[in-house]
PDB file of all heavy atoms in Angstrom:
ATOM      1  N   TRP A   1       0.805  -1.290  -0.121  1.00  0.00           N
ATOM      2  CA  TRP A   1      -0.073   0.023   0.081  1.00  0.00           C
ATOM      3  C   TRP A   1       0.842   1.345  -0.055  1.00  0.00           C
ATOM      4  O   TRP A   1       0.308   2.402  -0.294  1.00  0.00           O
ATOM      5  CB  TRP A   1      -1.040   0.010   1.135  1.00  0.00           C
ATOM      6  CG  TRP A   1      -0.309  -0.072   2.544  1.00  0.00           C
ATOM      7  CD1 TRP A   1      -0.061  -1.204   3.265  1.00  0.00           C
ATOM      8  CD2 TRP A   1       0.072   1.024   3.378  1.00  0.00           C
ATOM      9  NE1 TRP A   1       0.501  -0.929   4.433  1.00  0.00           N
ATOM     10  CE2 TRP A   1       0.602   0.502   4.570  1.00  0.00           C
ATOM     11  CE3 TRP A   1       0.047   2.316   3.286  1.00  0.00           C
ATOM     12  CZ2 TRP A   1       1.045   1.256   5.647  1.00  0.00           C
ATOM     13  CZ3 TRP A   1       0.614   3.185   4.219  1.00  0.00           C
ATOM     14  CH2 TRP A   1       1.135   2.638   5.423  1.00  0.00           C
ATOM     15  N   GLN A   2       2.052   1.149   0.131  1.00  0.00           N
ATOM     16  CA  GLN A   2       3.049   2.272   0.100  1.00  0.00           C
ATOM     17  C   GLN A   2       3.672   2.526  -1.295  1.00  0.00           C
ATOM     18  O   GLN A   2       4.495   3.402  -1.374  1.00  0.00           O
ATOM     19  CB  GLN A   2       4.088   2.038   1.101  1.00  0.00           C
ATOM     20  CG  GLN A   2       3.594   2.014   2.527  1.00  0.00           C
ATOM     21  CD  GLN A   2       4.857   1.564   3.584  1.00  0.00           C
ATOM     22  OE1 GLN A   2       5.626   0.791   3.232  1.00  0.00           O
ATOM     23  NE2 GLN A   2       4.628   2.110   4.777  1.00  0.00           N
ATOM     24  N   LEU A   3       3.156   1.932  -2.150  1.00  0.00           N
ATOM     25  CA  LEU A   3       3.669   2.073  -3.654  1.00  0.00           C
ATOM     26  C   LEU A   3       3.677   3.497  -4.162  1.00  0.00           C
ATOM     27  O   LEU A   3       4.612   3.849  -4.945  1.00  0.00           O
ATOM     28  CB  LEU A   3       2.862   1.170  -4.583  1.00  0.00           C
ATOM     29  CG  LEU A   3       3.079  -0.247  -4.699  1.00  0.00           C
ATOM     30  CD1 LEU A   3       1.950  -0.968  -5.355  1.00  0.00           C
ATOM     31  CD2 LEU A   3       4.465  -0.605  -5.190  1.00  0.00           C
ATOM     32  N   THR A   4       2.719   4.265  -3.836  1.00  0.00           N
ATOM     33  CA  THR A   4       2.681   5.643  -4.257  1.00  0.00           C
ATOM     34  C   THR A   4       3.223   6.538  -3.428  1.00  0.00           C
ATOM     35  O   THR A   4       3.084   7.927  -3.582  1.00  0.00           O
ATOM     36  CB  THR A   4       1.244   5.998  -4.747  1.00  0.00           C
ATOM     37  OG1 THR A   4       0.373   5.874  -3.507  1.00  0.00           O
ATOM     38  CG2 THR A   4       0.610   5.076  -5.856  1.00  0.00           C
ATOM     39  N   ARG A   5       3.836   6.111  -2.271  1.00  0.00           N
ATOM     40  CA  ARG A   5       4.472   7.194  -1.317  1.00  0.00           C
ATOM     41  C   ARG A   5       5.559   7.931  -2.076  1.00  0.00           C
ATOM     42  O   ARG A   5       6.512   7.293  -2.503  1.00  0.00           O
ATOM     43  CB  ARG A   5       4.906   6.361  -0.044  1.00  0.00           C
ATOM     44  CG  ARG A   5       5.353   7.412   1.040  1.00  0.00           C
ATOM     45  CD  ARG A   5       5.670   6.630   2.283  1.00  0.00           C
ATOM     46  NE  ARG A   5       6.832   5.722   2.071  1.00  0.00           N
ATOM     47  CZ  ARG A   5       7.168   4.770   3.057  1.00  0.00           C
ATOM     48  NH1 ARG A   5       6.489   4.656   4.162  1.00  0.00           N
ATOM     49  NH2 ARG A   5       8.157   4.002   2.718  1.00  0.00           N
ATOM     50  N   GLY A   6       5.544   9.273  -2.110  1.00  0.00           N
ATOM     51  CA  GLY A   6       6.576  10.086  -2.730  1.00  0.00           C
ATOM     52  C   GLY A   6       6.342  10.122  -4.238  1.00  0.00           C
ATOM     53  O   GLY A   6       7.338  10.513  -4.793  1.00  0.00           O
ATOM     54  N   LEU A   7       5.279   9.598  -4.736  1.00  0.00           N
ATOM     55  CA  LEU A   7       5.288   9.567  -6.286  1.00  0.00           C
ATOM     56  C   LEU A   7       5.210  11.048  -6.828  1.00  0.00           C
ATOM     57  O   LEU A   7       5.850  11.212  -7.925  1.00  0.00           O
ATOM     58  CB  LEU A   7       3.946   8.883  -6.614  1.00  0.00           C
ATOM     59  CG  LEU A   7       3.691   8.703  -8.101  1.00  0.00           C
ATOM     60  CD1 LEU A   7       4.694   7.849  -8.895  1.00  0.00           C
ATOM     61  CD2 LEU A   7       2.191   8.128  -8.333  1.00  0.00           C
ATOM     62  N   GLU A   8       4.617  11.946  -6.197  1.00  0.00           N
ATOM     63  CA  GLU A   8       4.667  13.381  -6.684  1.00  0.00           C
ATOM     64  C   GLU A   8       5.927  14.209  -6.302  1.00  0.00           C
ATOM     65  O   GLU A   8       6.018  15.289  -6.652  1.00  0.00           O
ATOM     66  CB  GLU A   8       3.377  14.144  -6.146  1.00  0.00           C
ATOM     67  CG  GLU A   8       2.100  13.366  -6.471  1.00  0.00           C
ATOM     68  CD  GLU A   8       1.890  13.152  -7.966  1.00  0.00           C
ATOM     69  OE1 GLU A   8       2.248  14.169  -8.794  1.00  0.00           O
ATOM     70  OE2 GLU A   8       1.326  12.115  -8.447  1.00  0.00           O
ATOM     71  N   SER A   9       6.780  13.555  -5.555  1.00  0.00           N
ATOM     72  CA  SER A   9       8.057  14.181  -5.191  1.00  0.00           C
ATOM     73  C   SER A   9       9.063  14.160  -6.224  1.00  0.00           C
ATOM     74  O   SER A   9       8.842  13.488  -7.404  1.00  0.00           O
ATOM     75  CB  SER A   9       8.524  13.602  -3.806  1.00  0.00           C
ATOM     76  OG  SER A   9       9.117  12.258  -3.981  1.00  0.00           O
ATOM     77  N   GLU A  10      10.296  14.577  -5.953  1.00  0.00           N
ATOM     78  CA  GLU A  10      11.498  14.526  -6.773  1.00  0.00           C
ATOM     79  C   GLU A  10      12.127  13.129  -6.782  1.00  0.00           C
ATOM     80  O   GLU A  10      13.104  12.831  -7.467  1.00  0.00           O
ATOM     81  CB  GLU A  10      12.452  15.686  -6.604  1.00  0.00           C
ATOM     82  CG  GLU A  10      11.915  16.989  -6.921  1.00  0.00           C
ATOM     83  CD  GLU A  10      12.849  18.103  -6.666  1.00  0.00           C
ATOM     84  OE1 GLU A  10      13.952  17.710  -6.179  1.00  0.00           O
ATOM     85  OE2 GLU A  10      12.563  19.231  -6.867  1.00  0.00           O
ATOM     86  N   ASN A  11      11.598  12.226  -5.845  1.00  0.00           N
ATOM     87  CA  ASN A  11      12.353  11.048  -5.606  1.00  0.00           C
ATOM     88  C   ASN A  11      11.241   9.882  -5.520  1.00  0.00           C
ATOM     89  O   ASN A  11      11.231   9.141  -4.344  1.00  0.00           O
ATOM     90  CB  ASN A  11      13.202  11.128  -4.339  1.00  0.00           C
ATOM     91  CG  ASN A  11      14.249  10.085  -4.209  1.00  0.00           C
ATOM     92  OD1 ASN A  11      14.666   9.433  -5.204  1.00  0.00           O
ATOM     93  ND2 ASN A  11      14.562   9.612  -2.951  1.00  0.00           N
ATOM     94  N   PRO A  12      10.531   9.626  -6.556  1.00  0.00           N
ATOM     95  CA  PRO A  12       9.575   8.550  -6.467  1.00  0.00           C
ATOM     96  C   PRO A  12      10.282   7.121  -6.525  1.00  0.00           C
ATOM     97  O   PRO A  12      11.400   7.003  -6.921  1.00  0.00           O
ATOM     98  CB  PRO A  12       8.626   8.812  -7.758  1.00  0.00           C
ATOM     99  CG  PRO A  12       9.639   9.472  -8.683  1.00  0.00           C
ATOM    100  CD  PRO A  12      10.487  10.261  -7.839  1.00  0.00           C
ATOM    101  N   ILE A  13       9.424   6.098  -6.338  1.00  0.00           N
ATOM    102  CA  ILE A  13       9.957   4.776  -6.516  1.00  0.00           C
ATOM    103  C   ILE A  13       9.928   4.385  -7.988  1.00  0.00           C
ATOM    104  O   ILE A  13       8.939   4.595  -8.676  1.00  0.00           O
ATOM    105  CB  ILE A  13       8.964   3.780  -5.823  1.00  0.00           C
ATOM    106  CG1 ILE A  13       8.898   4.055  -4.350  1.00  0.00           C
ATOM    107  CG2 ILE A  13       9.363   2.328  -6.020  1.00  0.00           C
ATOM    108  CD1 ILE A  13       7.821   3.241  -3.516  1.00  0.00           C
ATOM    109  N   THR A  14      11.078   4.000  -8.420  1.00  0.00           N
ATOM    110  CA  THR A  14      11.314   3.647  -9.825  1.00  0.00           C
ATOM    111  C   THR A  14      11.165   2.197 -10.212  1.00  0.00           C
ATOM    112  O   THR A  14      10.698   1.791 -11.266  1.00  0.00           O
ATOM    113  CB  THR A  14      12.551   4.299 -10.404  1.00  0.00           C
ATOM    114  OG1 THR A  14      13.615   3.734  -9.556  1.00  0.00           O
ATOM    115  CG2 THR A  14      12.532   5.748 -10.371  1.00  0.00           C
ATOM    116  N   GLU A  15      11.669   1.314  -9.400  1.00  0.00           N
ATOM    117  CA  GLU A  15      11.721  -0.022  -9.778  1.00  0.00           C
ATOM    118  C   GLU A  15      11.848  -0.988  -8.421  1.00  0.00           C
ATOM    119  O   GLU A  15      12.121  -0.480  -7.307  1.00  0.00           O
ATOM    120  CB  GLU A  15      12.907  -0.289 -10.598  1.00  0.00           C
ATOM    121  CG  GLU A  15      14.285   0.036  -9.996  1.00  0.00           C
ATOM    122  CD  GLU A  15      15.379  -0.048 -11.007  1.00  0.00           C
ATOM    123  OE1 GLU A  15      15.259  -0.806 -12.040  1.00  0.00           O
ATOM    124  OE2 GLU A  15      16.411   0.602 -10.909  1.00  0.00           O
ATOM    125  N   LEU A  16      11.668  -2.259  -8.749  1.00  0.00           N
ATOM    126  CA  LEU A  16      11.945  -3.194  -7.640  1.00  0.00           C
ATOM    127  C   LEU A  16      13.305  -3.554  -7.439  1.00  0.00           C
ATOM    128  O   LEU A  16      14.130  -3.343  -8.320  1.00  0.00           O
ATOM    129  CB  LEU A  16      11.097  -4.498  -8.017  1.00  0.00           C
ATOM    130  CG  LEU A  16       9.576  -4.363  -8.199  1.00  0.00           C
ATOM    131  CD1 LEU A  16       8.948  -5.529  -8.915  1.00  0.00           C
ATOM    132  CD2 LEU A  16       8.992  -4.295  -6.735  1.00  0.00           C
ATOM    133  N   ALA A  17      13.696  -4.049  -6.326  1.00  0.00           N
ATOM    134  CA  ALA A  17      15.149  -4.216  -5.993  1.00  0.00           C
ATOM    135  C   ALA A  17      15.358  -5.471  -5.156  1.00  0.00           C
ATOM    136  O   ALA A  17      15.959  -5.461  -4.108  1.00  0.00           O
ATOM    137  CB  ALA A  17      15.630  -2.986  -5.201  1.00  0.00           C
ATOM    138  N   SER A  18      14.828  -6.562  -5.749  1.00  0.00           N
ATOM    139  CA  SER A  18      14.897  -7.852  -4.989  1.00  0.00           C
ATOM    140  C   SER A  18      16.336  -8.421  -5.066  1.00  0.00           C
ATOM    141  O   SER A  18      17.162  -7.992  -5.940  1.00  0.00           O
ATOM    142  CB  SER A  18      13.993  -8.903  -5.641  1.00  0.00           C
ATOM    143  OG  SER A  18      12.607  -8.371  -5.625  1.00  0.00           O
ATOM    144  N   PRO A  19      16.648  -9.392  -4.244  1.00  0.00           N
ATOM    145  CA  PRO A  19      17.981  -9.968  -4.283  1.00  0.00           C
ATOM    146  C   PRO A  19      18.259 -10.873  -5.404  1.00  0.00           C
ATOM    147  O   PRO A  19      19.369 -11.282  -5.706  1.00  0.00           O
ATOM    148  CB  PRO A  19      18.010 -10.785  -2.914  1.00  0.00           C
ATOM    149  CG  PRO A  19      16.615 -11.109  -2.590  1.00  0.00           C
ATOM    150  CD  PRO A  19      15.845  -9.845  -3.062  1.00  0.00           C
ATOM    151  N   ARG A  20      17.203 -11.251  -6.141  1.00  0.00           N
ATOM    152  CA  ARG A  20      17.315 -12.072  -7.396  1.00  0.00           C
ATOM    153  C   ARG A  20      16.456 -11.481  -8.453  1.00  0.00           C
ATOM    154  O   ARG A  20      15.430 -11.030  -8.235  1.00  0.00           O
ATOM    155  CB  ARG A  20      16.785 -13.539  -7.122  1.00  0.00           C
ATOM    156  CG  ARG A  20      17.717 -14.297  -6.121  1.00  0.00           C
ATOM    157  CD  ARG A  20      16.935 -15.639  -5.668  1.00  0.00           C
ATOM    158  NE  ARG A  20      16.381 -16.467  -6.721  1.00  0.00           N
ATOM    159  CZ  ARG A  20      16.801 -17.584  -7.064  1.00  0.00           C
ATOM    160  NH1 ARG A  20      17.890 -18.153  -6.416  1.00  0.00           N
ATOM    161  NH2 ARG A  20      16.327 -18.305  -7.968  1.00  0.00           N
ATOM    162  N   PRO A  21      16.934 -11.501  -9.660  1.00  0.00           N
ATOM    163  CA  PRO A  21      16.168 -11.093 -10.816  1.00  0.00           C
ATOM    164  C   PRO A  21      14.838 -11.786 -11.138  1.00  0.00           C
ATOM    165  O   PRO A  21      13.824 -11.168 -11.516  1.00  0.00           O
ATOM    166  CB  PRO A  21      17.072 -11.125 -12.012  1.00  0.00           C
ATOM    167  CG  PRO A  21      18.093 -12.240 -11.704  1.00  0.00           C
ATOM    168  CD  PRO A  21      18.244 -12.045 -10.230  1.00  0.00           C
ATOM    169  N   ASP A  22      14.818 -13.131 -10.805  1.00  0.00           N
ATOM    170  CA  ASP A  22      13.468 -13.732 -10.969  1.00  0.00           C
ATOM    171  C   ASP A  22      12.553 -13.308  -9.896  1.00  0.00           C
ATOM    172  O   ASP A  22      11.332 -13.309 -10.184  1.00  0.00           O
ATOM    173  CB  ASP A  22      13.598 -15.296 -10.987  1.00  0.00           C
ATOM    174  CG  ASP A  22      14.337 -15.705  -9.675  1.00  0.00           C
ATOM    175  OD1 ASP A  22      15.058 -15.045  -9.077  1.00  0.00           O
ATOM    176  OD2 ASP A  22      14.251 -17.026  -9.464  1.00  0.00           O
ATOM    177  N   PHE A  23      12.956 -12.992  -8.798  1.00  0.00           N
ATOM    178  CA  PHE A  23      11.968 -12.360  -7.684  1.00  0.00           C
ATOM    179  C   PHE A  23      11.416 -11.132  -8.166  1.00  0.00           C
ATOM    180  O   PHE A  23      10.191 -10.857  -7.946  1.00  0.00           O
ATOM    181  CB  PHE A  23      12.768 -12.240  -6.390  1.00  0.00           C
ATOM    182  CG  PHE A  23      13.030 -13.438  -5.604  1.00  0.00           C
ATOM    183  CD1 PHE A  23      12.674 -14.656  -6.137  1.00  0.00           C
ATOM    184  CD2 PHE A  23      13.616 -13.473  -4.339  1.00  0.00           C
ATOM    185  CE1 PHE A  23      12.926 -15.904  -5.479  1.00  0.00           C
ATOM    186  CE2 PHE A  23      13.811 -14.509  -3.647  1.00  0.00           C
ATOM    187  CZ  PHE A  23      13.454 -15.873  -4.230  1.00  0.00           C
ATOM    188  N   ASN A  24      12.135 -10.232  -8.869  1.00  0.00           N
ATOM    189  CA  ASN A  24      11.694  -9.084  -9.417  1.00  0.00           C
ATOM    190  C   ASN A  24      10.504  -9.361 -10.458  1.00  0.00           C
ATOM    191  O   ASN A  24       9.469  -8.718 -10.358  1.00  0.00           O
ATOM    192  CB  ASN A  24      12.732  -8.227 -10.077  1.00  0.00           C
ATOM    193  CG  ASN A  24      13.655  -7.437  -9.151  1.00  0.00           C
ATOM    194  OD1 ASN A  24      13.187  -7.094  -8.011  1.00  0.00           O
ATOM    195  ND2 ASN A  24      14.796  -7.093  -9.590  1.00  0.00           N
ATOM    196  N   GLY A  25      10.749 -10.359 -11.190  1.00  0.00           N
ATOM    197  CA  GLY A  25       9.697 -10.688 -12.220  1.00  0.00           C
ATOM    198  C   GLY A  25       8.509 -11.241 -11.575  1.00  0.00           C
ATOM    199  O   GLY A  25       7.359 -10.944 -11.946  1.00  0.00           O
ATOM    200  N   ALA A  26       8.676 -11.945 -10.460  1.00  0.00           N
ATOM    201  CA  ALA A  26       7.514 -12.398  -9.692  1.00  0.00           C
ATOM    202  C   ALA A  26       6.775 -11.427  -8.953  1.00  0.00           C
ATOM    203  O   ALA A  26       5.625 -11.227  -9.013  1.00  0.00           O
ATOM    204  CB  ALA A  26       7.959 -13.537  -8.688  1.00  0.00           C
ATOM    205  N   LEU A  27       7.612 -10.360  -8.362  1.00  0.00           N
ATOM    206  CA  LEU A  27       6.878  -9.331  -7.622  1.00  0.00           C
ATOM    207  C   LEU A  27       6.112  -8.393  -8.542  1.00  0.00           C
ATOM    208  O   LEU A  27       5.056  -7.958  -8.028  1.00  0.00           O
ATOM    209  CB  LEU A  27       8.096  -8.550  -6.882  1.00  0.00           C
ATOM    210  CG  LEU A  27       8.462  -9.079  -5.477  1.00  0.00           C
ATOM    211  CD1 LEU A  27       9.527  -8.214  -4.961  1.00  0.00           C
ATOM    212  CD2 LEU A  27       7.228  -9.226  -4.588  1.00  0.00           C
ATOM    213  N   ILE A  28       6.574  -7.998  -9.667  1.00  0.00           N
ATOM    214  CA  ILE A  28       5.825  -7.236 -10.516  1.00  0.00           C
ATOM    215  C   ILE A  28       4.467  -7.871 -10.930  1.00  0.00           C
ATOM    216  O   ILE A  28       3.417  -7.147 -11.000  1.00  0.00           O
ATOM    217  CB  ILE A  28       6.580  -6.745 -11.836  1.00  0.00           C
ATOM    218  CG1 ILE A  28       5.855  -5.572 -12.495  1.00  0.00           C
ATOM    219  CG2 ILE A  28       6.816  -7.834 -12.782  1.00  0.00           C
ATOM    220  CD1 ILE A  28       5.672  -4.298 -11.638  1.00  0.00           C
ATOM    221  N   GLN A  29       4.504  -9.156 -11.083  1.00  0.00           N
ATOM    222  CA  GLN A  29       3.246  -9.772 -11.428  1.00  0.00           C
ATOM    223  C   GLN A  29       2.360  -9.950 -10.086  1.00  0.00           C
ATOM    224  O   GLN A  29       1.204  -9.877 -10.306  1.00  0.00           O
ATOM    225  CB  GLN A  29       3.507 -11.254 -11.887  1.00  0.00           C
ATOM    226  CG  GLN A  29       4.285 -11.286 -13.315  1.00  0.00           C
ATOM    227  CD  GLN A  29       4.556 -12.719 -13.649  1.00  0.00           C
ATOM    228  OE1 GLN A  29       3.680 -13.430 -14.253  1.00  0.00           O
ATOM    229  NE2 GLN A  29       5.810 -13.058 -13.518  1.00  0.00           N
ATOM    230  N   PHE A  30       2.995 -10.097  -9.024  1.00  0.00           N
ATOM    231  CA  PHE A  30       2.186 -10.116  -7.761  1.00  0.00           C
ATOM    232  C   PHE A  30       1.566  -8.744  -7.578  1.00  0.00           C
ATOM    233  O   PHE A  30       0.380  -8.724  -7.176  1.00  0.00           O
ATOM    234  CB  PHE A  30       3.205 -10.233  -6.532  1.00  0.00           C
ATOM    235  CG  PHE A  30       2.536 -10.169  -5.190  1.00  0.00           C
ATOM    236  CD1 PHE A  30       2.033 -11.270  -4.552  1.00  0.00           C
ATOM    237  CD2 PHE A  30       2.545  -8.926  -4.568  1.00  0.00           C
ATOM    238  CE1 PHE A  30       1.409 -11.140  -3.308  1.00  0.00           C
ATOM    239  CE2 PHE A  30       1.899  -8.747  -3.320  1.00  0.00           C
ATOM    240  CZ  PHE A  30       1.335  -9.875  -2.712  1.00  0.00           C
ATOM    241  N   LEU A  31       2.183  -7.642  -7.806  1.00  0.00           N
ATOM    242  CA  LEU A  31       1.675  -6.320  -7.597  1.00  0.00           C
ATOM    243  C   LEU A  31       0.547  -6.014  -8.576  1.00  0.00           C
ATOM    244  O   LEU A  31      -0.457  -5.425  -8.328  1.00  0.00           O
ATOM    245  CB  LEU A  31       2.745  -5.261  -7.682  1.00  0.00           C
ATOM    246  CG  LEU A  31       3.750  -5.383  -6.417  1.00  0.00           C
ATOM    247  CD1 LEU A  31       4.970  -4.444  -6.698  1.00  0.00           C
ATOM    248  CD2 LEU A  31       3.003  -5.065  -5.194  1.00  0.00           C
TER     249      LEU A  31
END
């Protein structure tokens, strides 16, 4: 639920940063 925190600021969330690349692929599908 914190995905949009800071979205309108100069420092929004740009990407996922999991410890494994396949976890990033899973997380974007989860979200």
